[in-house]
Amino acid sequence: MVRELRNLEQLFNHIAALAGDQGQVSLGVVVESVGHRSFGPLLLVIGLTLTSPLSGIPGMASISAAFILLIAVQLLIGRRYFWLPRWLLERSLSEAQVLKGLRWINPPARFIDGLTRPRLTLLVSRMGAYLTAALCVCIALVMPMFELVPFSASAIGVALAALGLALVAQDGLLALIAFTVIGATFGLVIFNAL
């Protein structure tokens, strides 16, 4: 088990080291090596997917909801490592591919890391992570509705990415902002449904 990863740059450096040690890196190795801290990075990846052009693909919100539900429920029942389908865990990239991607993403990660820091940690502590997971279960259960309201899945994606980052950086203020975005998005979806 590695030391606690507290920001994106540490997380990405850890992934680069894994790739260097093995010549390639699979999702399974990353998830196993970051242990209980993997909920934040996985939530971040799902959130970024929902904010990307991929969110326009019909059914993407529902697929993302299934992954959110799978991950959040496992956190709630106390699993140290998350079970994910073997075909997904075995997906790997070569060291060259990993390093190329990290070179592209490191400058924005450093900028984001400059904005985040441990604060209001009660919101992202172990209990806070469980509350976030419970909220994610609720989001996953209603996510298919977000496909009916334009851009609402993208707004939820931004909030999920922020929650994932908040858990990694132990930044409760960022989590509070994400909770506000989620509440506003839920309100918008309910208003449009009435």
N, C-alpha and C. Protein backbone atom coordinates (compact mmCIF):
# COMPACT_ATOMS: atom_id res chain seq x y z
N MET A 1 0.85 -1.18 0.00
CA MET A 1 0.00 0.00 0.00
C MET A 1 0.89 1.24 0.00
N VAL A 2 0.55 2.22 -0.84
CA VAL A 2 1.33 3.45 -0.91
C VAL A 2 0.85 4.42 0.16
N ARG A 3 1.66 5.47 0.36
CA ARG A 3 1.25 6.51 1.29
C ARG A 3 0.00 7.19 0.72
N GLU A 4 -0.68 7.93 1.58
CA GLU A 4 -1.90 8.62 1.16
C GLU A 4 -1.59 9.58 0.02
N LEU A 5 -2.37 9.51 -1.03
CA LEU A 5 -2.23 10.43 -2.15
C LEU A 5 -3.15 11.61 -1.87
N ARG A 6 -2.59 12.81 -1.86
CA ARG A 6 -3.36 13.99 -1.44
C ARG A 6 -3.69 14.96 -2.56
N ASN A 7 -3.19 14.72 -3.76
CA ASN A 7 -3.54 15.62 -4.86
C ASN A 7 -3.38 14.89 -6.19
N LEU A 8 -3.80 15.55 -7.25
CA LEU A 8 -3.76 14.92 -8.57
C LEU A 8 -2.34 14.63 -9.01
N GLU A 9 -1.44 15.56 -8.75
CA GLU A 9 -0.06 15.35 -9.20
C GLU A 9 0.55 14.11 -8.54
N GLN A 10 0.31 13.91 -7.24
CA GLN A 10 0.79 12.71 -6.56
C GLN A 10 0.16 11.46 -7.17
N LEU A 11 -1.12 11.53 -7.45
CA LEU A 11 -1.82 10.39 -8.05
C LEU A 11 -1.22 10.05 -9.41
N PHE A 12 -1.02 11.07 -10.25
CA PHE A 12 -0.48 10.83 -11.59
C PHE A 12 0.98 10.37 -11.53
N ASN A 13 1.77 10.91 -10.60
CA ASN A 13 3.15 10.45 -10.44
C ASN A 13 3.18 8.98 -10.00
N HIS A 14 2.23 8.61 -9.15
CA HIS A 14 2.14 7.22 -8.70
C HIS A 14 1.83 6.30 -9.90
N ILE A 15 0.90 6.72 -10.74
CA ILE A 15 0.54 5.93 -11.92
C ILE A 15 1.74 5.82 -12.87
N ALA A 16 2.47 6.93 -13.04
CA ALA A 16 3.67 6.90 -13.90
C ALA A 16 4.70 5.93 -13.34
N ALA A 17 4.87 5.91 -12.02
CA ALA A 17 5.83 4.98 -11.40
C ALA A 17 5.40 3.53 -11.61
N LEU A 18 4.09 3.27 -11.50
CA LEU A 18 3.59 1.91 -11.75
C LEU A 18 3.89 1.48 -13.18
N ALA A 19 3.67 2.41 -14.12
CA ALA A 19 3.92 2.09 -15.53
C ALA A 19 5.40 1.84 -15.75
N GLY A 20 6.27 2.65 -15.11
CA GLY A 20 7.71 2.47 -15.25
C GLY A 20 8.19 1.15 -14.68
N ASP A 21 7.60 0.74 -13.56
CA ASP A 21 7.99 -0.52 -12.93
C ASP A 21 7.62 -1.73 -13.77
N GLN A 22 6.47 -1.65 -14.45
CA GLN A 22 5.94 -2.82 -15.14
C GLN A 22 5.97 -2.72 -16.66
N GLY A 23 6.31 -1.55 -17.20
CA GLY A 23 6.31 -1.36 -18.64
C GLY A 23 4.93 -1.08 -19.19
N GLN A 24 3.93 -1.30 -18.37
CA GLN A 24 2.55 -0.97 -18.71
C GLN A 24 1.78 -0.90 -17.40
N VAL A 25 0.57 -0.38 -17.47
CA VAL A 25 -0.24 -0.30 -16.25
C VAL A 25 -1.69 -0.62 -16.59
N SER A 26 -2.29 -1.46 -15.77
CA SER A 26 -3.70 -1.81 -15.96
C SER A 26 -4.53 -1.08 -14.92
N LEU A 27 -5.81 -0.95 -15.20
CA LEU A 27 -6.72 -0.32 -14.24
C LEU A 27 -6.73 -1.10 -12.94
N GLY A 28 -6.66 -2.42 -13.01
CA GLY A 28 -6.66 -3.25 -11.81
C GLY A 28 -5.49 -2.95 -10.89
N VAL A 29 -4.30 -2.76 -11.46
CA VAL A 29 -3.11 -2.46 -10.66
C VAL A 29 -3.26 -1.09 -10.00
N VAL A 30 -3.80 -0.13 -10.73
CA VAL A 30 -3.99 1.22 -10.17
C VAL A 30 -4.98 1.17 -9.01
N VAL A 31 -6.13 0.52 -9.23
CA VAL A 31 -7.15 0.46 -8.18
C VAL A 31 -6.60 -0.25 -6.94
N GLU A 32 -5.89 -1.36 -7.15
CA GLU A 32 -5.34 -2.10 -6.02
C GLU A 32 -4.30 -1.29 -5.26
N SER A 33 -3.48 -0.54 -5.98
CA SER A 33 -2.39 0.18 -5.32
C SER A 33 -2.87 1.41 -4.56
N VAL A 34 -3.99 2.01 -4.96
CA VAL A 34 -4.47 3.18 -4.22
C VAL A 34 -5.51 2.80 -3.18
N GLY A 35 -5.94 1.53 -3.15
CA GLY A 35 -6.80 1.02 -2.08
C GLY A 35 -8.06 1.83 -1.85
N HIS A 36 -8.33 2.15 -0.58
CA HIS A 36 -9.58 2.82 -0.24
C HIS A 36 -9.66 4.21 -0.82
N ARG A 37 -8.54 4.78 -1.22
CA ARG A 37 -8.55 6.11 -1.82
C ARG A 37 -9.02 6.04 -3.28
N SER A 38 -9.26 4.85 -3.81
CA SER A 38 -9.62 4.75 -5.23
C SER A 38 -11.03 5.25 -5.51
N PHE A 39 -11.88 5.39 -4.49
CA PHE A 39 -13.22 5.90 -4.73
C PHE A 39 -13.16 7.30 -5.35
N GLY A 40 -12.32 8.16 -4.80
CA GLY A 40 -12.19 9.53 -5.33
C GLY A 40 -11.73 9.55 -6.78
N PRO A 41 -10.60 8.89 -7.11
CA PRO A 41 -10.16 8.89 -8.51
C PRO A 41 -11.17 8.28 -9.48
N LEU A 42 -11.83 7.18 -9.07
CA LEU A 42 -12.82 6.57 -9.96
C LEU A 42 -14.01 7.50 -10.18
N LEU A 43 -14.45 8.16 -9.13
CA LEU A 43 -15.54 9.12 -9.23
C LEU A 43 -15.13 10.29 -10.13
N LEU A 44 -13.88 10.71 -10.00
CA LEU A 44 -13.35 11.78 -10.83
C LEU A 44 -13.39 11.38 -12.31
N VAL A 45 -12.95 10.17 -12.61
CA VAL A 45 -12.94 9.70 -14.01
C VAL A 45 -14.36 9.63 -14.58
N ILE A 46 -15.30 9.11 -13.80
CA ILE A 46 -16.69 9.04 -14.27
C ILE A 46 -17.25 10.44 -14.49
N GLY A 47 -16.96 11.35 -13.57
CA GLY A 47 -17.42 12.73 -13.72
C GLY A 47 -16.87 13.38 -14.96
N LEU A 48 -15.57 13.19 -15.21
CA LEU A 48 -14.96 13.77 -16.41
C LEU A 48 -15.56 13.18 -17.68
N THR A 49 -15.89 11.89 -17.65
CA THR A 49 -16.53 11.26 -18.80
C THR A 49 -17.88 11.91 -19.09
N LEU A 50 -18.63 12.19 -18.03
CA LEU A 50 -19.95 12.80 -18.21
C LEU A 50 -19.88 14.26 -18.67
N THR A 51 -18.76 14.92 -18.42
CA THR A 51 -18.63 16.31 -18.88
C THR A 51 -18.04 16.40 -20.28
N SER A 52 -17.53 15.28 -20.78
CA SER A 52 -16.92 15.26 -22.10
C SER A 52 -17.99 15.10 -23.18
N PRO A 53 -17.59 15.21 -24.45
CA PRO A 53 -18.55 14.98 -25.54
C PRO A 53 -19.16 13.57 -25.51
N LEU A 54 -18.52 12.63 -24.80
CA LEU A 54 -19.07 11.28 -24.69
C LEU A 54 -20.45 11.29 -24.03
N SER A 55 -20.73 12.32 -23.22
CA SER A 55 -22.02 12.38 -22.53
C SER A 55 -23.18 12.53 -23.51
N GLY A 56 -22.88 12.95 -24.74
CA GLY A 56 -23.93 13.09 -25.75
C GLY A 56 -24.36 11.77 -26.37
N ILE A 57 -23.62 10.72 -26.11
CA ILE A 57 -23.97 9.40 -26.63
C ILE A 57 -25.19 8.89 -25.87
N PRO A 58 -26.25 8.52 -26.59
CA PRO A 58 -27.44 8.02 -25.91
C PRO A 58 -27.10 6.83 -25.01
N GLY A 59 -27.57 6.89 -23.78
CA GLY A 59 -27.33 5.81 -22.84
C GLY A 59 -26.08 5.97 -21.99
N MET A 60 -25.24 6.96 -22.31
CA MET A 60 -23.99 7.14 -21.55
C MET A 60 -24.28 7.48 -20.09
N ALA A 61 -25.31 8.27 -19.83
CA ALA A 61 -25.65 8.60 -18.45
C ALA A 61 -26.05 7.33 -17.69
N SER A 62 -26.79 6.46 -18.35
CA SER A 62 -27.21 5.21 -17.68
C SER A 62 -26.03 4.28 -17.43
N ILE A 63 -25.11 4.20 -18.38
CA ILE A 63 -23.91 3.37 -18.20
C ILE A 63 -23.07 3.93 -17.05
N SER A 64 -22.91 5.25 -17.03
CA SER A 64 -22.16 5.89 -15.95
C SER A 64 -22.84 5.64 -14.61
N ALA A 65 -24.18 5.70 -14.61
CA ALA A 65 -24.94 5.45 -13.37
C ALA A 65 -24.66 4.05 -12.84
N ALA A 66 -24.56 3.08 -13.75
CA ALA A 66 -24.28 1.70 -13.32
C ALA A 66 -22.91 1.61 -12.64
N PHE A 67 -21.90 2.29 -13.22
CA PHE A 67 -20.58 2.28 -12.60
C PHE A 67 -20.58 3.01 -11.27
N ILE A 68 -21.28 4.16 -11.20
CA ILE A 68 -21.36 4.90 -9.94
C ILE A 68 -22.00 4.04 -8.87
N LEU A 69 -23.08 3.38 -9.22
CA LEU A 69 -23.78 2.52 -8.25
C LEU A 69 -22.88 1.38 -7.79
N LEU A 70 -22.21 0.75 -8.72
CA LEU A 70 -21.31 -0.36 -8.41
C LEU A 70 -20.22 0.07 -7.42
N ILE A 71 -19.62 1.22 -7.68
CA ILE A 71 -18.52 1.70 -6.84
C ILE A 71 -19.03 2.19 -5.49
N ALA A 72 -20.11 3.00 -5.50
CA ALA A 72 -20.62 3.59 -4.26
C ALA A 72 -21.13 2.53 -3.29
N VAL A 73 -21.82 1.54 -3.79
CA VAL A 73 -22.34 0.48 -2.91
C VAL A 73 -21.18 -0.27 -2.26
N GLN A 74 -20.11 -0.51 -3.01
CA GLN A 74 -18.96 -1.21 -2.45
C GLN A 74 -18.28 -0.38 -1.35
N LEU A 75 -18.26 0.94 -1.53
CA LEU A 75 -17.70 1.77 -0.47
C LEU A 75 -18.58 1.69 0.78
N LEU A 76 -19.89 1.73 0.58
CA LEU A 76 -20.82 1.69 1.70
C LEU A 76 -20.74 0.39 2.49
N ILE A 77 -20.45 -0.72 1.81
CA ILE A 77 -20.35 -1.99 2.54
C ILE A 77 -18.94 -2.24 3.09
N GLY A 78 -18.04 -1.28 2.85
CA GLY A 78 -16.73 -1.33 3.48
C GLY A 78 -15.65 -2.11 2.76
N ARG A 79 -15.80 -2.34 1.46
CA ARG A 79 -14.73 -3.04 0.74
C ARG A 79 -13.49 -2.17 0.65
N ARG A 80 -12.34 -2.78 0.87
CA ARG A 80 -11.07 -2.04 0.79
C ARG A 80 -10.69 -1.79 -0.68
N TYR A 81 -10.93 -2.78 -1.51
CA TYR A 81 -10.67 -2.65 -2.95
C TYR A 81 -11.98 -2.85 -3.68
N PHE A 82 -12.16 -2.12 -4.74
CA PHE A 82 -13.41 -2.20 -5.47
C PHE A 82 -13.38 -3.33 -6.49
N TRP A 83 -14.46 -4.09 -6.51
CA TRP A 83 -14.60 -5.09 -7.55
C TRP A 83 -15.12 -4.39 -8.78
N LEU A 84 -14.46 -4.63 -9.86
CA LEU A 84 -14.90 -4.17 -11.17
C LEU A 84 -14.80 -5.35 -12.11
N PRO A 85 -15.54 -5.34 -13.21
CA PRO A 85 -15.47 -6.48 -14.13
C PRO A 85 -14.03 -6.74 -14.59
N ARG A 86 -13.68 -8.02 -14.68
CA ARG A 86 -12.32 -8.42 -15.04
C ARG A 86 -11.87 -7.79 -16.36
N TRP A 87 -12.78 -7.74 -17.34
CA TRP A 87 -12.39 -7.19 -18.64
C TRP A 87 -11.98 -5.72 -18.52
N LEU A 88 -12.58 -5.01 -17.56
CA LEU A 88 -12.23 -3.61 -17.36
C LEU A 88 -10.91 -3.49 -16.59
N LEU A 89 -10.74 -4.32 -15.56
CA LEU A 89 -9.52 -4.29 -14.76
C LEU A 89 -8.29 -4.69 -15.57
N GLU A 90 -8.48 -5.54 -16.56
CA GLU A 90 -7.35 -6.01 -17.36
C GLU A 90 -6.96 -5.03 -18.47
N ARG A 91 -7.76 -4.01 -18.69
CA ARG A 91 -7.42 -3.01 -19.70
C ARG A 91 -6.14 -2.31 -19.27
N SER A 92 -5.17 -2.25 -20.16
CA SER A 92 -3.90 -1.64 -19.78
C SER A 92 -3.38 -0.76 -20.91
N LEU A 93 -2.47 0.11 -20.52
CA LEU A 93 -1.79 0.99 -21.45
C LEU A 93 -0.30 0.78 -21.28
N SER A 94 0.44 0.99 -22.36
CA SER A 94 1.89 0.87 -22.28
C SER A 94 2.46 2.06 -21.51
N GLU A 95 3.70 1.92 -21.07
CA GLU A 95 4.36 3.02 -20.36
C GLU A 95 4.38 4.28 -21.22
N ALA A 96 4.66 4.13 -22.53
CA ALA A 96 4.72 5.29 -23.43
C ALA A 96 3.36 5.99 -23.51
N GLN A 97 2.27 5.21 -23.61
CA GLN A 97 0.94 5.80 -23.67
C GLN A 97 0.59 6.53 -22.37
N VAL A 98 0.93 5.90 -21.24
CA VAL A 98 0.64 6.50 -19.94
C VAL A 98 1.41 7.81 -19.80
N LEU A 99 2.69 7.79 -20.10
CA LEU A 99 3.52 8.99 -19.94
C LEU A 99 3.08 10.10 -20.88
N LYS A 100 2.67 9.75 -22.10
CA LYS A 100 2.19 10.75 -23.04
C LYS A 100 0.92 11.43 -22.50
N GLY A 101 -0.01 10.62 -21.99
CA GLY A 101 -1.24 11.17 -21.42
C GLY A 101 -0.96 12.03 -20.20
N LEU A 102 -0.03 11.58 -19.35
CA LEU A 102 0.29 12.33 -18.13
C LEU A 102 0.99 13.65 -18.44
N ARG A 103 1.83 13.67 -19.48
CA ARG A 103 2.46 14.94 -19.88
C ARG A 103 1.40 15.96 -20.27
N TRP A 104 0.35 15.50 -20.92
CA TRP A 104 -0.72 16.39 -21.36
C TRP A 104 -1.56 16.87 -20.17
N ILE A 105 -1.79 15.99 -19.21
CA ILE A 105 -2.72 16.32 -18.12
C ILE A 105 -2.03 16.93 -16.89
N ASN A 106 -0.71 16.80 -16.76
CA ASN A 106 -0.02 17.31 -15.58
C ASN A 106 -0.12 18.82 -15.39
N PRO A 107 0.04 19.66 -16.44
CA PRO A 107 -0.08 21.11 -16.20
C PRO A 107 -1.46 21.52 -15.63
N PRO A 108 -2.59 21.04 -16.20
CA PRO A 108 -3.86 21.40 -15.57
C PRO A 108 -3.99 20.82 -14.16
N ALA A 109 -3.41 19.63 -13.94
CA ALA A 109 -3.49 19.02 -12.60
C ALA A 109 -2.75 19.87 -11.59
N ARG A 110 -1.58 20.40 -11.97
CA ARG A 110 -0.82 21.27 -11.06
C ARG A 110 -1.63 22.52 -10.73
N PHE A 111 -2.29 23.08 -11.74
CA PHE A 111 -3.12 24.29 -11.52
C PHE A 111 -4.25 23.97 -10.55
N ILE A 112 -4.94 22.86 -10.78
CA ILE A 112 -6.05 22.47 -9.89
C ILE A 112 -5.54 22.18 -8.49
N ASP A 113 -4.39 21.52 -8.39
CA ASP A 113 -3.81 21.24 -7.08
C ASP A 113 -3.49 22.51 -6.32
N GLY A 114 -3.16 23.58 -7.06
CA GLY A 114 -2.88 24.88 -6.42
C GLY A 114 -4.13 25.49 -5.80
N LEU A 115 -5.30 25.09 -6.30
CA LEU A 115 -6.56 25.63 -5.79
C LEU A 115 -7.14 24.80 -4.65
N THR A 116 -6.77 23.53 -4.60
CA THR A 116 -7.34 22.64 -3.59
C THR A 116 -6.35 22.45 -2.46
N ARG A 117 -6.88 22.19 -1.28
CA ARG A 117 -6.06 21.89 -0.11
C ARG A 117 -6.96 21.32 0.97
N PRO A 118 -6.41 20.65 1.94
CA PRO A 118 -7.24 20.13 3.02
C PRO A 118 -7.94 21.26 3.78
N ARG A 119 -9.26 21.24 3.78
CA ARG A 119 -10.07 22.20 4.53
C ARG A 119 -11.46 21.63 4.69
N LEU A 120 -12.14 22.02 5.74
CA LEU A 120 -13.47 21.48 6.05
C LEU A 120 -13.44 19.95 5.91
N THR A 121 -12.41 19.34 6.47
CA THR A 121 -12.15 17.92 6.24
C THR A 121 -13.25 17.00 6.78
N LEU A 122 -14.10 17.50 7.65
CA LEU A 122 -15.20 16.68 8.14
C LEU A 122 -16.08 16.20 6.98
N LEU A 123 -16.20 17.05 5.94
CA LEU A 123 -17.03 16.69 4.78
C LEU A 123 -16.40 15.61 3.90
N VAL A 124 -15.11 15.38 4.05
CA VAL A 124 -14.42 14.39 3.20
C VAL A 124 -13.68 13.34 4.03
N SER A 125 -13.95 13.32 5.32
CA SER A 125 -13.38 12.30 6.20
C SER A 125 -14.00 10.95 5.84
N ARG A 126 -13.68 9.94 6.60
CA ARG A 126 -14.24 8.62 6.33
C ARG A 126 -15.78 8.67 6.34
N MET A 127 -16.35 9.35 7.35
CA MET A 127 -17.81 9.48 7.40
C MET A 127 -18.32 10.31 6.23
N GLY A 128 -17.59 11.36 5.89
CA GLY A 128 -17.97 12.18 4.74
C GLY A 128 -17.95 11.39 3.44
N ALA A 129 -16.97 10.49 3.31
CA ALA A 129 -16.89 9.64 2.12
C ALA A 129 -18.10 8.72 2.04
N TYR A 130 -18.54 8.22 3.20
CA TYR A 130 -19.74 7.37 3.21
C TYR A 130 -20.98 8.17 2.82
N LEU A 131 -21.08 9.40 3.30
CA LEU A 131 -22.22 10.25 2.93
C LEU A 131 -22.18 10.57 1.43
N THR A 132 -20.97 10.82 0.92
CA THR A 132 -20.81 11.06 -0.52
C THR A 132 -21.23 9.83 -1.30
N ALA A 133 -20.84 8.64 -0.83
CA ALA A 133 -21.22 7.40 -1.51
C ALA A 133 -22.73 7.22 -1.50
N ALA A 134 -23.38 7.53 -0.37
CA ALA A 134 -24.84 7.43 -0.28
C ALA A 134 -25.50 8.39 -1.26
N LEU A 135 -24.96 9.61 -1.37
CA LEU A 135 -25.47 10.58 -2.33
C LEU A 135 -25.27 10.06 -3.76
N CYS A 136 -24.13 9.43 -4.01
CA CYS A 136 -23.85 8.88 -5.35
C CYS A 136 -24.82 7.76 -5.70
N VAL A 137 -25.23 6.96 -4.71
CA VAL A 137 -26.23 5.92 -4.96
C VAL A 137 -27.53 6.59 -5.41
N CYS A 138 -27.93 7.65 -4.72
CA CYS A 138 -29.15 8.38 -5.10
C CYS A 138 -29.03 8.95 -6.51
N ILE A 139 -27.86 9.53 -6.80
CA ILE A 139 -27.64 10.09 -8.15
C ILE A 139 -27.74 8.99 -9.19
N ALA A 140 -27.11 7.85 -8.93
CA ALA A 140 -27.11 6.75 -9.90
C ALA A 140 -28.53 6.25 -10.16
N LEU A 141 -29.35 6.22 -9.12
CA LEU A 141 -30.71 5.70 -9.30
C LEU A 141 -31.58 6.62 -10.15
N VAL A 142 -31.29 7.92 -10.14
CA VAL A 142 -32.11 8.85 -10.94
C VAL A 142 -31.39 9.35 -12.19
N MET A 143 -30.16 8.89 -12.40
CA MET A 143 -29.36 9.36 -13.54
C MET A 143 -30.07 9.20 -14.90
N PRO A 144 -30.81 8.13 -15.15
CA PRO A 144 -31.49 8.05 -16.44
C PRO A 144 -32.43 9.24 -16.71
N MET A 145 -32.98 9.84 -15.66
CA MET A 145 -33.83 11.03 -15.85
C MET A 145 -33.03 12.20 -16.39
N PHE A 146 -31.73 12.25 -16.07
CA PHE A 146 -30.90 13.36 -16.51
C PHE A 146 -30.72 13.37 -18.02
N GLU A 147 -30.94 12.24 -18.66
CA GLU A 147 -30.84 12.19 -20.11
C GLU A 147 -31.98 12.96 -20.77
N LEU A 148 -33.06 13.21 -20.02
CA LEU A 148 -34.22 13.91 -20.56
C LEU A 148 -34.07 15.42 -20.52
N VAL A 149 -33.22 15.93 -19.65
CA VAL A 149 -33.02 17.38 -19.52
C VAL A 149 -31.64 17.72 -20.08
N PRO A 150 -31.60 18.53 -21.14
CA PRO A 150 -30.31 18.84 -21.78
C PRO A 150 -29.28 19.40 -20.78
N PHE A 151 -28.07 18.90 -20.90
CA PHE A 151 -26.90 19.33 -20.13
C PHE A 151 -26.95 19.00 -18.65
N SER A 152 -28.03 18.39 -18.16
CA SER A 152 -28.08 18.07 -16.74
C SER A 152 -27.08 16.96 -16.39
N ALA A 153 -26.88 16.01 -17.29
CA ALA A 153 -25.89 14.96 -17.04
C ALA A 153 -24.49 15.56 -16.98
N SER A 154 -24.24 16.58 -17.80
CA SER A 154 -22.93 17.24 -17.77
C SER A 154 -22.74 17.99 -16.46
N ALA A 155 -23.80 18.62 -15.96
CA ALA A 155 -23.71 19.33 -14.67
C ALA A 155 -23.44 18.34 -13.55
N ILE A 156 -24.11 17.20 -13.58
CA ILE A 156 -23.86 16.16 -12.58
C ILE A 156 -22.43 15.64 -12.74
N GLY A 157 -21.96 15.52 -13.98
CA GLY A 157 -20.59 15.08 -14.22
C GLY A 157 -19.57 16.02 -13.60
N VAL A 158 -19.79 17.33 -13.73
CA VAL A 158 -18.90 18.32 -13.11
C VAL A 158 -18.91 18.13 -11.59
N ALA A 159 -20.10 17.95 -11.03
CA ALA A 159 -20.22 17.77 -9.58
C ALA A 159 -19.54 16.48 -9.13
N LEU A 160 -19.71 15.39 -9.87
CA LEU A 160 -19.07 14.12 -9.51
C LEU A 160 -17.55 14.22 -9.60
N ALA A 161 -17.07 14.90 -10.66
CA ALA A 161 -15.62 15.10 -10.79
C ALA A 161 -15.11 15.92 -9.61
N ALA A 162 -15.85 16.94 -9.22
CA ALA A 162 -15.46 17.77 -8.07
C ALA A 162 -15.47 16.95 -6.79
N LEU A 163 -16.47 16.09 -6.62
CA LEU A 163 -16.52 15.23 -5.43
C LEU A 163 -15.32 14.27 -5.40
N GLY A 164 -15.02 13.69 -6.56
CA GLY A 164 -13.86 12.80 -6.63
C GLY A 164 -12.57 13.52 -6.27
N LEU A 165 -12.41 14.73 -6.82
CA LEU A 165 -11.23 15.53 -6.52
C LEU A 165 -11.21 15.94 -5.04
N ALA A 166 -12.38 16.28 -4.50
CA ALA A 166 -12.46 16.66 -3.08
C ALA A 166 -12.01 15.52 -2.18
N LEU A 167 -12.39 14.29 -2.54
CA LEU A 167 -11.98 13.13 -1.73
C LEU A 167 -10.48 12.90 -1.83
N VAL A 168 -9.91 13.10 -3.02
CA VAL A 168 -8.47 12.92 -3.20
C VAL A 168 -7.71 13.99 -2.41
N ALA A 169 -8.13 15.26 -2.56
CA ALA A 169 -7.41 16.38 -1.96
C ALA A 169 -7.85 16.69 -0.53
N GLN A 170 -8.86 15.96 -0.03
CA GLN A 170 -9.40 16.22 1.31
C GLN A 170 -9.90 17.66 1.43
N ASP A 171 -10.53 18.15 0.36
CA ASP A 171 -11.01 19.52 0.29
C ASP A 171 -12.53 19.56 0.47
N GLY A 172 -12.96 19.80 1.70
CA GLY A 172 -14.38 19.84 2.01
C GLY A 172 -15.10 21.00 1.35
N LEU A 173 -14.40 22.12 1.12
CA LEU A 173 -15.04 23.26 0.46
C LEU A 173 -15.44 22.87 -0.96
N LEU A 174 -14.57 22.16 -1.64
CA LEU A 174 -14.89 21.68 -3.00
C LEU A 174 -16.07 20.72 -2.96
N ALA A 175 -16.12 19.86 -1.94
CA ALA A 175 -17.25 18.94 -1.79
C ALA A 175 -18.54 19.73 -1.56
N LEU A 176 -18.47 20.77 -0.76
CA LEU A 176 -19.65 21.60 -0.49
C LEU A 176 -20.16 22.26 -1.76
N ILE A 177 -19.25 22.74 -2.59
CA ILE A 177 -19.63 23.33 -3.89
C ILE A 177 -20.29 22.26 -4.76
N ALA A 178 -19.73 21.06 -4.77
CA ALA A 178 -20.29 19.96 -5.56
C ALA A 178 -21.69 19.61 -5.07
N PHE A 179 -21.89 19.56 -3.75
CA PHE A 179 -23.22 19.27 -3.19
C PHE A 179 -24.23 20.32 -3.65
N THR A 180 -23.80 21.58 -3.71
CA THR A 180 -24.68 22.66 -4.15
C THR A 180 -25.06 22.49 -5.62
N VAL A 181 -24.08 22.14 -6.46
CA VAL A 181 -24.36 21.92 -7.89
C VAL A 181 -25.32 20.75 -8.06
N ILE A 182 -25.12 19.69 -7.29
CA ILE A 182 -26.02 18.53 -7.38
C ILE A 182 -27.43 18.92 -6.97
N GLY A 183 -27.55 19.66 -5.88
CA GLY A 183 -28.88 20.11 -5.43
C GLY A 183 -29.57 20.97 -6.47
N ALA A 184 -28.82 21.91 -7.07
CA ALA A 184 -29.39 22.78 -8.09
C ALA A 184 -29.81 21.98 -9.33
N THR A 185 -29.00 21.00 -9.71
CA THR A 185 -29.32 20.18 -10.88
C THR A 185 -30.56 19.33 -10.61
N PHE A 186 -30.64 18.74 -9.43
CA PHE A 186 -31.83 17.98 -9.06
C PHE A 186 -33.06 18.88 -9.12
N GLY A 187 -32.93 20.09 -8.58
CA GLY A 187 -34.05 21.04 -8.61
C GLY A 187 -34.48 21.35 -10.03
N LEU A 188 -33.52 21.55 -10.93
CA LEU A 188 -33.82 21.85 -12.33
C LEU A 188 -34.54 20.68 -13.00
N VAL A 189 -34.05 19.46 -12.75
CA VAL A 189 -34.66 18.28 -13.35
C VAL A 189 -36.10 18.11 -12.84
N ILE A 190 -36.30 18.29 -11.53
CA ILE A 190 -37.65 18.16 -10.97
C ILE A 190 -38.57 19.25 -11.51
N PHE A 191 -38.06 20.47 -11.61
CA PHE A 191 -38.86 21.59 -12.15
C PHE A 191 -39.28 21.31 -13.58
N ASN A 192 -38.35 20.78 -14.39
CA ASN A 192 -38.69 20.47 -15.80
C ASN A 192 -39.60 19.27 -15.93
N ALA A 193 -39.57 18.38 -14.93
CA ALA A 193 -40.43 17.19 -14.99
C ALA A 193 -41.88 17.52 -14.62
N LEU A 194 -42.09 18.62 -13.88
CA LEU A 194 -43.45 18.97 -13.45
C LEU A 194 -44.23 19.70 -14.51
